[in-house]
Amino acid sequence: MPNEIKNPSNKVERSYEGKYYAFWRGHIVYEHQKTRVRRFETERDAWEYLALCDTLGKLA
């Protein structure tokens, strides 16, 4: 999945609790209210979200 990402500044990192954080265009992704960081259950979920954001040209 990472090889399919168009933007090289996108990345996914695992948190201490075992969930994943996504970075889109070098910035961490927050929930819609921007009160907390958005966490993903799997690394694949995070990469799919980033691919969707790249397709839309904005956060989904």
PDB file of N, CA and C in Angstrom:
ATOM      1  N   MET A   1       0.812  -1.205   0.000  1.00  0.00           N
ATOM      2  CA  MET A   1       0.000   0.000   0.000  1.00  0.00           C
ATOM      3  C   MET A   1       0.857   1.272   0.000  1.00  0.00           C
ATOM      4  N   PRO A   2       1.908   1.398   0.822  1.00  0.00           N
ATOM      5  CA  PRO A   2       2.672   2.645   0.819  1.00  0.00           C
ATOM      6  C   PRO A   2       3.236   3.007  -0.558  1.00  0.00           C
ATOM      7  N   ASN A   3       3.559   2.045  -1.388  1.00  0.00           N
ATOM      8  CA  ASN A   3       4.101   2.338  -2.713  1.00  0.00           C
ATOM      9  C   ASN A   3       3.075   3.005  -3.613  1.00  0.00           C
ATOM     10  N   GLU A   4       1.788   2.867  -3.306  1.00  0.00           N
ATOM     11  CA  GLU A   4       0.726   3.443  -4.119  1.00  0.00           C
ATOM     12  C   GLU A   4       0.436   4.894  -3.722  1.00  0.00           C
ATOM     13  N   ILE A   5       0.973   5.343  -2.617  1.00  0.00           N
ATOM     14  CA  ILE A   5       0.717   6.686  -2.135  1.00  0.00           C
ATOM     15  C   ILE A   5       1.449   7.687  -3.019  1.00  0.00           C
ATOM     16  N   LYS A   6       0.740   8.706  -3.458  1.00  0.00           N
ATOM     17  CA  LYS A   6       1.305   9.694  -4.368  1.00  0.00           C
ATOM     18  C   LYS A   6       2.197  10.702  -3.656  1.00  0.00           C
ATOM     19  N   ASN A   7       1.888  11.012  -2.425  1.00  0.00           N
ATOM     20  CA  ASN A   7       2.605  12.053  -1.705  1.00  0.00           C
ATOM     21  C   ASN A   7       3.631  11.407  -0.761  1.00  0.00           C
ATOM     22  N   PRO A   8       4.918  11.629  -0.987  1.00  0.00           N
ATOM     23  CA  PRO A   8       5.932  10.984  -0.140  1.00  0.00           C
ATOM     24  C   PRO A   8       5.953  11.483   1.309  1.00  0.00           C
ATOM     25  N   SER A   9       5.284  12.599   1.597  1.00  0.00           N
ATOM     26  CA  SER A   9       5.247  13.077   2.983  1.00  0.00           C
ATOM     27  C   SER A   9       4.131  12.408   3.788  1.00  0.00           C
ATOM     28  N   ASN A  10       3.330  11.568   3.151  1.00  0.00           N
ATOM     29  CA  ASN A  10       2.330  10.777   3.872  1.00  0.00           C
ATOM     30  C   ASN A  10       3.033   9.633   4.582  1.00  0.00           C
ATOM     31  N   LYS A  11       2.599   9.359   5.802  1.00  0.00           N
ATOM     32  CA  LYS A  11       3.164   8.221   6.516  1.00  0.00           C
ATOM     33  C   LYS A  11       2.196   7.742   7.578  1.00  0.00           C
ATOM     34  N   VAL A  12       2.448   6.547   8.057  1.00  0.00           N
ATOM     35  CA  VAL A  12       1.643   5.937   9.119  1.00  0.00           C
ATOM     36  C   VAL A  12       2.602   5.467  10.197  1.00  0.00           C
ATOM     37  N   GLU A  13       2.264   5.762  11.440  1.00  0.00           N
ATOM     38  CA  GLU A  13       3.086   5.322  12.564  1.00  0.00           C
ATOM     39  C   GLU A  13       2.210   4.623  13.589  1.00  0.00           C
ATOM     40  N   ARG A  14       2.800   3.646  14.238  1.00  0.00           N
ATOM     41  CA  ARG A  14       2.085   2.910  15.278  1.00  0.00           C
ATOM     42  C   ARG A  14       2.243   3.621  16.607  1.00  0.00           C
ATOM     43  N   SER A  15       1.153   3.700  17.367  1.00  0.00           N
ATOM     44  CA  SER A  15       1.202   4.350  18.679  1.00  0.00           C
ATOM     45  C   SER A  15       1.561   3.327  19.755  1.00  0.00           C
ATOM     46  N   TYR A  16       1.833   3.802  20.931  1.00  0.00           N
ATOM     47  CA  TYR A  16       2.176   2.923  22.052  1.00  0.00           C
ATOM     48  C   TYR A  16       1.037   1.992  22.425  1.00  0.00           C
ATOM     49  N   GLU A  17      -0.197   2.380  22.107  1.00  0.00           N
ATOM     50  CA  GLU A  17      -1.361   1.568  22.454  1.00  0.00           C
ATOM     51  C   GLU A  17      -1.712   0.539  21.380  1.00  0.00           C
ATOM     52  N   GLY A  18      -0.958   0.543  20.282  1.00  0.00           N
ATOM     53  CA  GLY A  18      -1.167  -0.448  19.237  1.00  0.00           C
ATOM     54  C   GLY A  18      -2.016   0.005  18.066  1.00  0.00           C
ATOM     55  N   LYS A  19      -2.572   1.201  18.153  1.00  0.00           N
ATOM     56  CA  LYS A  19      -3.338   1.736  17.031  1.00  0.00           C
ATOM     57  C   LYS A  19      -2.397   2.550  16.145  1.00  0.00           C
ATOM     58  N   TYR A  20      -2.932   3.112  15.079  1.00  0.00           N
ATOM     59  CA  TYR A  20      -2.083   3.795  14.104  1.00  0.00           C
ATOM     60  C   TYR A  20      -2.513   5.244  13.911  1.00  0.00           C
ATOM     61  N   TYR A  21      -1.507   6.089  13.712  1.00  0.00           N
ATOM     62  CA  TYR A  21      -1.711   7.501  13.388  1.00  0.00           C
ATOM     63  C   TYR A  21      -1.349   7.701  11.932  1.00  0.00           C
ATOM     64  N   ALA A  22      -2.061   8.594  11.259  1.00  0.00           N
ATOM     65  CA  ALA A  22      -1.774   8.911   9.868  1.00  0.00           C
ATOM     66  C   ALA A  22      -1.278  10.347   9.764  1.00  0.00           C
ATOM     67  N   PHE A  23      -0.312  10.544   8.892  1.00  0.00           N
ATOM     68  CA  PHE A  23       0.219  11.868   8.593  1.00  0.00           C
ATOM     69  C   PHE A  23      -0.038  12.141   7.121  1.00  0.00           C
ATOM     70  N   TRP A  24      -0.828  13.165   6.829  1.00  0.00           N
ATOM     71  CA  TRP A  24      -1.144  13.534   5.450  1.00  0.00           C
ATOM     72  C   TRP A  24      -0.433  14.827   5.115  1.00  0.00           C
ATOM     73  N   ARG A  25       0.353  14.777   4.073  1.00  0.00           N
ATOM     74  CA  ARG A  25       1.164  15.931   3.645  1.00  0.00           C
ATOM     75  C   ARG A  25       2.017  16.468   4.796  1.00  0.00           C
ATOM     76  N   GLY A  26       2.519  15.549   5.622  1.00  0.00           N
ATOM     77  CA  GLY A  26       3.426  15.909   6.703  1.00  0.00           C
ATOM     78  C   GLY A  26       2.766  16.338   8.000  1.00  0.00           C
ATOM     79  N   HIS A  27       1.429  16.369   8.038  1.00  0.00           N
ATOM     80  CA  HIS A  27       0.706  16.804   9.241  1.00  0.00           C
ATOM     81  C   HIS A  27      -0.151  15.665   9.778  1.00  0.00           C
ATOM     82  N   ILE A  28      -0.154  15.529  11.081  1.00  0.00           N
ATOM     83  CA  ILE A  28      -0.953  14.469  11.692  1.00  0.00           C
ATOM     84  C   ILE A  28      -2.441  14.732  11.458  1.00  0.00           C
ATOM     85  N   VAL A  29      -3.196  13.659  11.288  1.00  0.00           N
ATOM     86  CA  VAL A  29      -4.627  13.765  11.004  1.00  0.00           C
ATOM     87  C   VAL A  29      -5.401  13.797  12.323  1.00  0.00           C
ATOM     88  N   TYR A  30      -6.275  14.795  12.445  1.00  0.00           N
ATOM     89  CA  TYR A  30      -7.130  14.936  13.625  1.00  0.00           C
ATOM     90  C   TYR A  30      -8.558  14.532  13.301  1.00  0.00           C
ATOM     91  N   GLU A  31      -9.326  14.269  14.361  1.00  0.00           N
ATOM     92  CA  GLU A  31     -10.764  14.042  14.203  1.00  0.00           C
ATOM     93  C   GLU A  31     -11.394  15.316  13.662  1.00  0.00           C
ATOM     94  N   HIS A  32     -12.645  15.241  13.262  1.00  0.00           N
ATOM     95  CA  HIS A  32     -13.322  16.386  12.650  1.00  0.00           C
ATOM     96  C   HIS A  32     -13.352  17.617  13.550  1.00  0.00           C
ATOM     97  N   GLN A  33     -13.450  17.438  14.838  1.00  0.00           N
ATOM     98  CA  GLN A  33     -13.521  18.574  15.761  1.00  0.00           C
ATOM     99  C   GLN A  33     -12.142  19.102  16.142  1.00  0.00           C
ATOM    100  N   LYS A  34     -11.097  18.444  15.665  1.00  0.00           N
ATOM    101  CA  LYS A  34      -9.704  18.817  15.962  1.00  0.00           C
ATOM    102  C   LYS A  34      -9.404  18.842  17.458  1.00  0.00           C
ATOM    103  N   THR A  35     -10.099  18.004  18.213  1.00  0.00           N
ATOM    104  CA  THR A  35      -9.848  17.939  19.642  1.00  0.00           C
ATOM    105  C   THR A  35      -8.920  16.790  19.999  1.00  0.00           C
ATOM    106  N   ARG A  36      -8.778  15.811  19.088  1.00  0.00           N
ATOM    107  CA  ARG A  36      -7.865  14.694  19.343  1.00  0.00           C
ATOM    108  C   ARG A  36      -7.397  14.091  18.015  1.00  0.00           C
ATOM    109  N   VAL A  37      -6.298  13.399  18.114  1.00  0.00           N
ATOM    110  CA  VAL A  37      -5.702  12.770  16.941  1.00  0.00           C
ATOM    111  C   VAL A  37      -6.567  11.587  16.510  1.00  0.00           C
ATOM    112  N   ARG A  38      -6.739  11.445  15.218  1.00  0.00           N
ATOM    113  CA  ARG A  38      -7.518  10.325  14.688  1.00  0.00           C
ATOM    114  C   ARG A  38      -6.666   9.058  14.730  1.00  0.00           C
ATOM    115  N   ARG A  39      -7.228   7.989  15.279  1.00  0.00           N
ATOM    116  CA  ARG A  39      -6.534   6.707  15.392  1.00  0.00           C
ATOM    117  C   ARG A  39      -7.219   5.682  14.495  1.00  0.00           C
ATOM    118  N   PHE A  40      -6.418   4.815  13.917  1.00  0.00           N
ATOM    119  CA  PHE A  40      -6.923   3.769  13.036  1.00  0.00           C
ATOM    120  C   PHE A  40      -6.612   2.412  13.652  1.00  0.00           C
ATOM    121  N   GLU A  41      -7.533   1.476  13.466  1.00  0.00           N
ATOM    122  CA  GLU A  41      -7.362   0.141  14.038  1.00  0.00           C
ATOM    123  C   GLU A  41      -6.216  -0.622  13.388  1.00  0.00           C
ATOM    124  N   THR A  42      -6.064  -0.485  12.076  1.00  0.00           N
ATOM    125  CA  THR A  42      -5.013  -1.207  11.369  1.00  0.00           C
ATOM    126  C   THR A  42      -4.187  -0.243  10.520  1.00  0.00           C
ATOM    127  N   GLU A  43      -2.983  -0.666  10.198  1.00  0.00           N
ATOM    128  CA  GLU A  43      -2.126   0.139   9.338  1.00  0.00           C
ATOM    129  C   GLU A  43      -2.764   0.300   7.961  1.00  0.00           C
ATOM    130  N   ARG A  44      -3.377  -0.768   7.473  1.00  0.00           N
ATOM    131  CA  ARG A  44      -4.038  -0.713   6.165  1.00  0.00           C
ATOM    132  C   ARG A  44      -5.159   0.326   6.149  1.00  0.00           C
ATOM    133  N   ASP A  45      -5.948   0.391   7.225  1.00  0.00           N
ATOM    134  CA  ASP A  45      -7.015   1.403   7.314  1.00  0.00           C
ATOM    135  C   ASP A  45      -6.445   2.814   7.187  1.00  0.00           C
ATOM    136  N   ALA A  46      -5.332   3.045   7.840  1.00  0.00           N
ATOM    137  CA  ALA A  46      -4.703   4.374   7.800  1.00  0.00           C
ATOM    138  C   ALA A  46      -4.218   4.693   6.390  1.00  0.00           C
ATOM    139  N   TRP A  47      -3.566   3.735   5.724  1.00  0.00           N
ATOM    140  CA  TRP A  47      -3.083   3.973   4.359  1.00  0.00           C
ATOM    141  C   TRP A  47      -4.241   4.171   3.395  1.00  0.00           C
ATOM    142  N   GLU A  48      -5.319   3.438   3.568  1.00  0.00           N
ATOM    143  CA  GLU A  48      -6.485   3.625   2.695  1.00  0.00           C
ATOM    144  C   GLU A  48      -7.083   5.011   2.884  1.00  0.00           C
ATOM    145  N   TYR A  49      -7.130   5.478   4.123  1.00  0.00           N
ATOM    146  CA  TYR A  49      -7.621   6.824   4.386  1.00  0.00           C
ATOM    147  C   TYR A  49      -6.736   7.861   3.699  1.00  0.00           C
ATOM    148  N   LEU A  50      -5.423   7.703   3.791  1.00  0.00           N
ATOM    149  CA  LEU A  50      -4.503   8.639   3.150  1.00  0.00           C
ATOM    150  C   LEU A  50      -4.660   8.619   1.624  1.00  0.00           C
ATOM    151  N   ALA A  51      -4.879   7.446   1.065  1.00  0.00           N
ATOM    152  CA  ALA A  51      -5.096   7.351  -0.388  1.00  0.00           C
ATOM    153  C   ALA A  51      -6.363   8.090  -0.779  1.00  0.00           C
ATOM    154  N   LEU A  52      -7.414   7.966   0.045  1.00  0.00           N
ATOM    155  CA  LEU A  52      -8.656   8.689  -0.213  1.00  0.00           C
ATOM    156  C   LEU A  52      -8.425  10.194  -0.144  1.00  0.00           C
ATOM    157  N   CYS A  53      -7.682  10.647   0.837  1.00  0.00           N
ATOM    158  CA  CYS A  53      -7.374  12.078   0.962  1.00  0.00           C
ATOM    159  C   CYS A  53      -6.607  12.574  -0.256  1.00  0.00           C
ATOM    160  N   ASP A  54      -5.644  11.774  -0.739  1.00  0.00           N
ATOM    161  CA  ASP A  54      -4.904  12.170  -1.941  1.00  0.00           C
ATOM    162  C   ASP A  54      -5.814  12.266  -3.141  1.00  0.00           C
ATOM    163  N   THR A  55      -6.754  11.350  -3.258  1.00  0.00           N
ATOM    164  CA  THR A  55      -7.690  11.356  -4.377  1.00  0.00           C
ATOM    165  C   THR A  55      -8.586  12.590  -4.323  1.00  0.00           C
ATOM    166  N   LEU A  56      -9.065  12.929  -3.126  1.00  0.00           N
ATOM    167  CA  LEU A  56      -9.954  14.075  -2.944  1.00  0.00           C
ATOM    168  C   LEU A  56      -9.199  15.402  -2.944  1.00  0.00           C
ATOM    169  N   GLY A  57      -7.930  15.364  -2.594  1.00  0.00           N
ATOM    170  CA  GLY A  57      -7.154  16.596  -2.489  1.00  0.00           C
ATOM    171  C   GLY A  57      -7.425  17.344  -1.189  1.00  0.00           C
ATOM    172  N   LYS A  58      -8.033  16.650  -0.232  1.00  0.00           N
ATOM    173  CA  LYS A  58      -8.331  17.233   1.079  1.00  0.00           C
ATOM    174  C   LYS A  58      -8.576  16.096   2.059  1.00  0.00           C
ATOM    175  N   LEU A  59      -8.669  16.428   3.343  1.00  0.00           N
ATOM    176  CA  LEU A  59      -8.981  15.395   4.330  1.00  0.00           C
ATOM    177  C   LEU A  59     -10.414  14.935   4.148  1.00  0.00           C
ATOM    178  N   ALA A  60     -10.588  13.638   4.249  1.00  0.00           N
ATOM    179  CA  ALA A  60     -11.925  13.054   4.064  1.00  0.00           C
ATOM    180  C   ALA A  60     -12.727  13.113   5.337  1.00  0.00           C
TER     181      ALA A  60
END
